[in-house]
PDB file of N, CA and C in Angstrom:
ATOM      1  N   ASN A   1     -53.959  80.730   1.334  1.00  0.00           N
ATOM      2  CA  ASN A   1     -53.015  81.541   2.060  1.00  0.00           C
ATOM      3  C   ASN A   1     -51.608  80.969   2.028  1.00  0.00           C
ATOM      4  N   ASN A   2     -51.457  79.728   1.573  1.00  0.00           N
ATOM      5  CA  ASN A   2     -50.151  79.083   1.511  1.00  0.00           C
ATOM      6  C   ASN A   2     -49.915  78.541   0.112  1.00  0.00           C
ATOM      7  N   ALA A   3     -48.654  78.448  -0.252  1.00  0.00           N
ATOM      8  CA  ALA A   3     -48.259  77.805  -1.503  1.00  0.00           C
ATOM      9  C   ALA A   3     -47.588  76.493  -1.153  1.00  0.00           C
ATOM     10  N   ASN A   4     -48.095  75.402  -1.691  1.00  0.00           N
ATOM     11  CA  ASN A   4     -47.478  74.094  -1.490  1.00  0.00           C
ATOM     12  C   ASN A   4     -46.568  73.821  -2.678  1.00  0.00           C
ATOM     13  N   ILE A   5     -45.293  73.674  -2.406  1.00  0.00           N
ATOM     14  CA  ILE A   5     -44.295  73.448  -3.443  1.00  0.00           C
ATOM     15  C   ILE A   5     -43.880  71.987  -3.353  1.00  0.00           C
ATOM     16  N   VAL A   6     -43.998  71.275  -4.471  1.00  0.00           N
ATOM     17  CA  VAL A   6     -43.697  69.859  -4.518  1.00  0.00           C
ATOM     18  C   VAL A   6     -42.627  69.636  -5.576  1.00  0.00           C
ATOM     19  N   GLY A   7     -41.627  68.845  -5.236  1.00  0.00           N
ATOM     20  CA  GLY A   7     -40.586  68.482  -6.189  1.00  0.00           C
ATOM     21  C   GLY A   7     -40.474  66.976  -6.286  1.00  0.00           C
ATOM     22  N   VAL A   8     -40.281  66.463  -7.496  1.00  0.00           N
ATOM     23  CA  VAL A   8     -40.102  65.021  -7.714  1.00  0.00           C
ATOM     24  C   VAL A   8     -38.940  64.819  -8.685  1.00  0.00           C
ATOM     25  N   GLY A   9     -38.350  63.637  -8.635  1.00  0.00           N
ATOM     26  CA  GLY A   9     -37.276  63.306  -9.565  1.00  0.00           C
ATOM     27  C   GLY A   9     -35.889  63.494  -9.000  1.00  0.00           C
ATOM     28  N   GLY A  10     -35.788  63.811  -7.715  1.00  0.00           N
ATOM     29  CA  GLY A  10     -34.481  63.950  -7.081  1.00  0.00           C
ATOM     30  C   GLY A  10     -33.894  62.588  -6.738  1.00  0.00           C
ATOM     31  N   THR A  11     -32.635  62.598  -6.379  1.00  0.00           N
ATOM     32  CA  THR A  11     -31.981  61.372  -5.935  1.00  0.00           C
ATOM     33  C   THR A  11     -32.402  61.092  -4.492  1.00  0.00           C
ATOM     34  N   PRO A  12     -32.992  59.919  -4.213  1.00  0.00           N
ATOM     35  CA  PRO A  12     -33.422  59.633  -2.844  1.00  0.00           C
ATOM     36  C   PRO A  12     -32.291  59.840  -1.835  1.00  0.00           C
ATOM     37  N   GLY A  13     -32.580  60.600  -0.787  1.00  0.00           N
ATOM     38  CA  GLY A  13     -31.612  60.875   0.266  1.00  0.00           C
ATOM     39  C   GLY A  13     -30.647  62.004  -0.028  1.00  0.00           C
ATOM     40  N   ALA A  14     -30.652  62.529  -1.266  1.00  0.00           N
ATOM     41  CA  ALA A  14     -29.736  63.624  -1.611  1.00  0.00           C
ATOM     42  C   ALA A  14     -30.225  64.929  -0.998  1.00  0.00           C
ATOM     43  N   THR A  15     -29.309  65.828  -0.742  1.00  0.00           N
ATOM     44  CA  THR A  15     -29.637  67.132  -0.177  1.00  0.00           C
ATOM     45  C   THR A  15     -30.052  68.090  -1.290  1.00  0.00           C
ATOM     46  N   PHE A  16     -31.046  68.913  -0.994  1.00  0.00           N
ATOM     47  CA  PHE A  16     -31.451  69.970  -1.921  1.00  0.00           C
ATOM     48  C   PHE A  16     -31.591  71.276  -1.163  1.00  0.00           C
ATOM     49  N   VAL A  17     -31.536  72.375  -1.904  1.00  0.00           N
ATOM     50  CA  VAL A  17     -31.769  73.703  -1.343  1.00  0.00           C
ATOM     51  C   VAL A  17     -32.866  74.349  -2.172  1.00  0.00           C
ATOM     52  N   LEU A  18     -33.863  74.923  -1.507  1.00  0.00           N
ATOM     53  CA  LEU A  18     -34.947  75.641  -2.163  1.00  0.00           C
ATOM     54  C   LEU A  18     -34.673  77.135  -1.996  1.00  0.00           C
ATOM     55  N   PHE A  19     -34.659  77.861  -3.117  1.00  0.00           N
ATOM     56  CA  PHE A  19     -34.387  79.298  -3.129  1.00  0.00           C
ATOM     57  C   PHE A  19     -35.633  80.046  -3.574  1.00  0.00           C
ATOM     58  N   THR A  20     -35.691  81.339  -3.232  1.00  0.00           N
ATOM     59  CA  THR A  20     -36.793  82.183  -3.671  1.00  0.00           C
ATOM     60  C   THR A  20     -36.277  83.560  -4.069  1.00  0.00           C
ATOM     61  N   SER A  21     -37.046  84.194  -4.947  1.00  0.00           N
ATOM     62  CA  SER A  21     -36.767  85.568  -5.369  1.00  0.00           C
ATOM     63  C   SER A  21     -38.081  86.171  -5.854  1.00  0.00           C
ATOM     64  N   THR A  22     -38.205  87.477  -5.736  1.00  0.00           N
ATOM     65  CA  THR A  22     -39.400  88.150  -6.248  1.00  0.00           C
ATOM     66  C   THR A  22     -39.194  88.637  -7.678  1.00  0.00           C
ATOM     67  N   ASN A  23     -37.974  88.453  -8.210  1.00  0.00           N
ATOM     68  CA  ASN A  23     -37.669  88.852  -9.578  1.00  0.00           C
ATOM     69  C   ASN A  23     -36.927  87.706 -10.251  1.00  0.00           C
ATOM     70  N   ILE A  24     -37.509  87.119 -11.278  1.00  0.00           N
ATOM     71  CA  ILE A  24     -36.933  85.933 -11.896  1.00  0.00           C
ATOM     72  C   ILE A  24     -35.598  86.204 -12.600  1.00  0.00           C
ATOM     73  N   ILE A  25     -35.321  87.460 -12.957  1.00  0.00           N
ATOM     74  CA  ILE A  25     -34.049  87.753 -13.628  1.00  0.00           C
ATOM     75  C   ILE A  25     -32.927  88.108 -12.656  1.00  0.00           C
ATOM     76  N   THR A  26     -33.205  88.020 -11.359  1.00  0.00           N
ATOM     77  CA  THR A  26     -32.157  88.216 -10.357  1.00  0.00           C
ATOM     78  C   THR A  26     -31.090  87.146 -10.552  1.00  0.00           C
ATOM     79  N   PRO A  27     -29.795  87.515 -10.543  1.00  0.00           N
ATOM     80  CA  PRO A  27     -28.751  86.491 -10.647  1.00  0.00           C
ATOM     81  C   PRO A  27     -28.924  85.429  -9.562  1.00  0.00           C
ATOM     82  N   LEU A  28     -28.697  84.176  -9.923  1.00  0.00           N
ATOM     83  CA  LEU A  28     -28.968  83.067  -9.006  1.00  0.00           C
ATOM     84  C   LEU A  28     -28.212  83.169  -7.687  1.00  0.00           C
ATOM     85  N   ASN A  29     -27.016  83.760  -7.692  1.00  0.00           N
ATOM     86  CA  ASN A  29     -26.262  83.870  -6.444  1.00  0.00           C
ATOM     87  C   ASN A  29     -26.898  84.863  -5.468  1.00  0.00           C
ATOM     88  N   LEU A  30     -27.899  85.619  -5.918  1.00  0.00           N
ATOM     89  CA  LEU A  30     -28.588  86.572  -5.042  1.00  0.00           C
ATOM     90  C   LEU A  30     -29.962  86.080  -4.581  1.00  0.00           C
ATOM     91  N   TRP A  31     -30.387  84.901  -5.041  1.00  0.00           N
ATOM     92  CA  TRP A  31     -31.643  84.333  -4.571  1.00  0.00           C
ATOM     93  C   TRP A  31     -31.481  83.927  -3.108  1.00  0.00           C
ATOM     94  N   THR A  32     -32.556  83.957  -2.345  1.00  0.00           N
ATOM     95  CA  THR A  32     -32.534  83.661  -0.921  1.00  0.00           C
ATOM     96  C   THR A  32     -32.847  82.187  -0.666  1.00  0.00           C
ATOM     97  N   PRO A  33     -31.946  81.459   0.027  1.00  0.00           N
ATOM     98  CA  PRO A  33     -32.291  80.078   0.383  1.00  0.00           C
ATOM     99  C   PRO A  33     -33.339  80.082   1.496  1.00  0.00           C
ATOM    100  N   ILE A  34     -34.390  79.284   1.318  1.00  0.00           N
ATOM    101  CA  ILE A  34     -35.450  79.246   2.333  1.00  0.00           C
ATOM    102  C   ILE A  34     -35.586  77.882   2.983  1.00  0.00           C
ATOM    103  N   GLN A  35     -34.998  76.852   2.368  1.00  0.00           N
ATOM    104  CA  GLN A  35     -35.026  75.541   3.014  1.00  0.00           C
ATOM    105  C   GLN A  35     -33.915  74.665   2.453  1.00  0.00           C
ATOM    106  N   THR A  36     -33.259  73.944   3.340  1.00  0.00           N
ATOM    107  CA  THR A  36     -32.311  72.897   2.973  1.00  0.00           C
ATOM    108  C   THR A  36     -32.811  71.619   3.619  1.00  0.00           C
ATOM    109  N   ASN A  37     -32.904  70.566   2.817  1.00  0.00           N
ATOM    110  CA  ASN A  37     -33.428  69.314   3.340  1.00  0.00           C
ATOM    111  C   ASN A  37     -32.957  68.189   2.449  1.00  0.00           C
ATOM    112  N   GLN A  38     -33.498  66.997   2.673  1.00  0.00           N
ATOM    113  CA  GLN A  38     -33.163  65.846   1.842  1.00  0.00           C
ATOM    114  C   GLN A  38     -34.416  65.311   1.168  1.00  0.00           C
ATOM    115  N   PHE A  39     -34.229  64.787  -0.060  1.00  0.00           N
ATOM    116  CA  PHE A  39     -35.335  64.126  -0.738  1.00  0.00           C
ATOM    117  C   PHE A  39     -35.730  62.877   0.049  1.00  0.00           C
ATOM    118  N   ASP A  40     -37.002  62.521  -0.015  1.00  0.00           N
ATOM    119  CA  ASP A  40     -37.449  61.308   0.666  1.00  0.00           C
ATOM    120  C   ASP A  40     -37.009  60.073  -0.119  1.00  0.00           C
ATOM    121  N   GLN A  41     -37.447  58.905   0.313  1.00  0.00           N
ATOM    122  CA  GLN A  41     -37.010  57.652  -0.308  1.00  0.00           C
ATOM    123  C   GLN A  41     -37.496  57.513  -1.745  1.00  0.00           C
ATOM    124  N   TYR A  42     -38.439  58.368  -2.178  1.00  0.00           N
ATOM    125  CA  TYR A  42     -38.954  58.331  -3.542  1.00  0.00           C
ATOM    126  C   TYR A  42     -38.367  59.454  -4.410  1.00  0.00           C
ATOM    127  N   GLY A  43     -37.479  60.258  -3.844  1.00  0.00           N
ATOM    128  CA  GLY A  43     -36.890  61.376  -4.586  1.00  0.00           C
ATOM    129  C   GLY A  43     -37.811  62.578  -4.675  1.00  0.00           C
ATOM    130  N   ALA A  44     -38.647  62.767  -3.666  1.00  0.00           N
ATOM    131  CA  ALA A  44     -39.619  63.863  -3.672  1.00  0.00           C
ATOM    132  C   ALA A  44     -39.469  64.720  -2.414  1.00  0.00           C
ATOM    133  N   PHE A  45     -40.055  65.929  -2.470  1.00  0.00           N
ATOM    134  CA  PHE A  45     -40.143  66.780  -1.283  1.00  0.00           C
ATOM    135  C   PHE A  45     -41.405  67.621  -1.372  1.00  0.00           C
ATOM    136  N   VAL A  46     -41.867  68.088  -0.231  1.00  0.00           N
ATOM    137  CA  VAL A  46     -43.014  68.988  -0.141  1.00  0.00           C
ATOM    138  C   VAL A  46     -42.620  70.123   0.801  1.00  0.00           C
ATOM    139  N   PHE A  47     -42.926  71.354   0.409  1.00  0.00           N
ATOM    140  CA  PHE A  47     -42.629  72.519   1.230  1.00  0.00           C
ATOM    141  C   PHE A  47     -43.837  73.445   1.175  1.00  0.00           C
ATOM    142  N   THR A  48     -44.274  73.942   2.321  1.00  0.00           N
ATOM    143  CA  THR A  48     -45.379  74.893   2.375  1.00  0.00           C
ATOM    144  C   THR A  48     -44.819  76.266   2.680  1.00  0.00           C
ATOM    145  N   ASN A  49     -45.128  77.227   1.815  1.00  0.00           N
ATOM    146  CA  ASN A  49     -44.632  78.590   1.961  1.00  0.00           C
ATOM    147  C   ASN A  49     -45.815  79.526   2.196  1.00  0.00           C
ATOM    148  N   TYR A  50     -45.667  80.413   3.181  1.00  0.00           N
ATOM    149  CA  TYR A  50     -46.699  81.399   3.455  1.00  0.00           C
ATOM    150  C   TYR A  50     -46.834  82.341   2.272  1.00  0.00           C
ATOM    151  N   TYR A  51     -48.040  82.568   1.825  1.00  0.00           N
ATOM    152  CA  TYR A  51     -48.319  83.499   0.735  1.00  0.00           C
ATOM    153  C   TYR A  51     -48.615  84.876   1.309  1.00  0.00           C
ATOM    154  N   SER A  52     -47.907  85.887   0.811  1.00  0.00           N
ATOM    155  CA  SER A  52     -48.124  87.255   1.263  1.00  0.00           C
ATOM    156  C   SER A  52     -48.710  88.077   0.114  1.00  0.00           C
ATOM    157  N   PRO A  53     -49.917  88.592   0.265  1.00  0.00           N
ATOM    158  CA  PRO A  53     -50.519  89.387  -0.813  1.00  0.00           C
ATOM    159  C   PRO A  53     -49.785  90.701  -1.068  1.00  0.00           C
ATOM    160  N   THR A  54     -48.879  91.097  -0.175  1.00  0.00           N
ATOM    161  CA  THR A  54     -48.123  92.328  -0.407  1.00  0.00           C
ATOM    162  C   THR A  54     -46.988  92.122  -1.403  1.00  0.00           C
ATOM    163  N   GLU A  55     -46.611  90.864  -1.670  1.00  0.00           N
ATOM    164  CA  GLU A  55     -45.608  90.570  -2.685  1.00  0.00           C
ATOM    165  C   GLU A  55     -46.330  90.256  -3.986  1.00  0.00           C
ATOM    166  N   PRO A  56     -46.015  90.973  -5.065  1.00  0.00           N
ATOM    167  CA  PRO A  56     -46.760  90.772  -6.307  1.00  0.00           C
ATOM    168  C   PRO A  56     -46.526  89.399  -6.934  1.00  0.00           C
ATOM    169  N   ARG A  57     -45.352  88.820  -6.707  1.00  0.00           N
ATOM    170  CA  ARG A  57     -45.043  87.490  -7.240  1.00  0.00           C
ATOM    171  C   ARG A  57     -43.836  86.938  -6.491  1.00  0.00           C
ATOM    172  N   GLN A  58     -43.689  85.647  -6.542  1.00  0.00           N
ATOM    173  CA  GLN A  58     -42.556  84.999  -5.890  1.00  0.00           C
ATOM    174  C   GLN A  58     -42.179  83.782  -6.721  1.00  0.00           C
ATOM    175  N   PHE A  59     -40.895  83.649  -7.022  1.00  0.00           N
ATOM    176  CA  PHE A  59     -40.381  82.549  -7.829  1.00  0.00           C
ATOM    177  C   PHE A  59     -39.548  81.621  -6.955  1.00  0.00           C
ATOM    178  N   PHE A  60     -39.519  80.340  -7.334  1.00  0.00           N
ATOM    179  CA  PHE A  60     -38.793  79.340  -6.550  1.00  0.00           C
ATOM    180  C   PHE A  60     -37.860  78.556  -7.471  1.00  0.00           C
ATOM    181  N   LEU A  61     -36.747  78.147  -6.903  1.00  0.00           N
ATOM    182  CA  LEU A  61     -35.754  77.358  -7.622  1.00  0.00           C
ATOM    183  C   LEU A  61     -35.248  76.301  -6.656  1.00  0.00           C
ATOM    184  N   MET A  62     -35.171  75.059  -7.121  1.00  0.00           N
ATOM    185  CA  MET A  62     -34.664  73.983  -6.289  1.00  0.00           C
ATOM    186  C   MET A  62     -33.365  73.510  -6.921  1.00  0.00           C
ATOM    187  N   ARG A  63     -32.332  73.342  -6.092  1.00  0.00           N
ATOM    188  CA  ARG A  63     -31.047  72.851  -6.569  1.00  0.00           C
ATOM    189  C   ARG A  63     -30.627  71.663  -5.717  1.00  0.00           C
ATOM    190  N   GLN A  64     -30.339  70.551  -6.394  1.00  0.00           N
ATOM    191  CA  GLN A  64     -29.821  69.374  -5.692  1.00  0.00           C
ATOM    192  C   GLN A  64     -28.330  69.559  -5.478  1.00  0.00           C
ATOM    193  N   GLN A  65     -27.878  69.238  -4.275  1.00  0.00           N
ATOM    194  CA  GLN A  65     -26.459  69.400  -3.943  1.00  0.00           C
ATOM    195  C   GLN A  65     -25.657  68.215  -4.404  1.00  0.00           C
TER     196      GLN A  65
END
């Protein structure tokens, strides 16, 4: 029922933003930010997203600030 999203390789302590869209060809400036946080001391993060069966697909993009 949930999607666990894991990111590694970030700069420890740096800020990142996680975005989502239901269409991968949507221009990036129209993707929805769903979380802003900082990488842990190892340059990693974990995010749990609720899975909705009414959405046919969901794409994620992580951007380090």
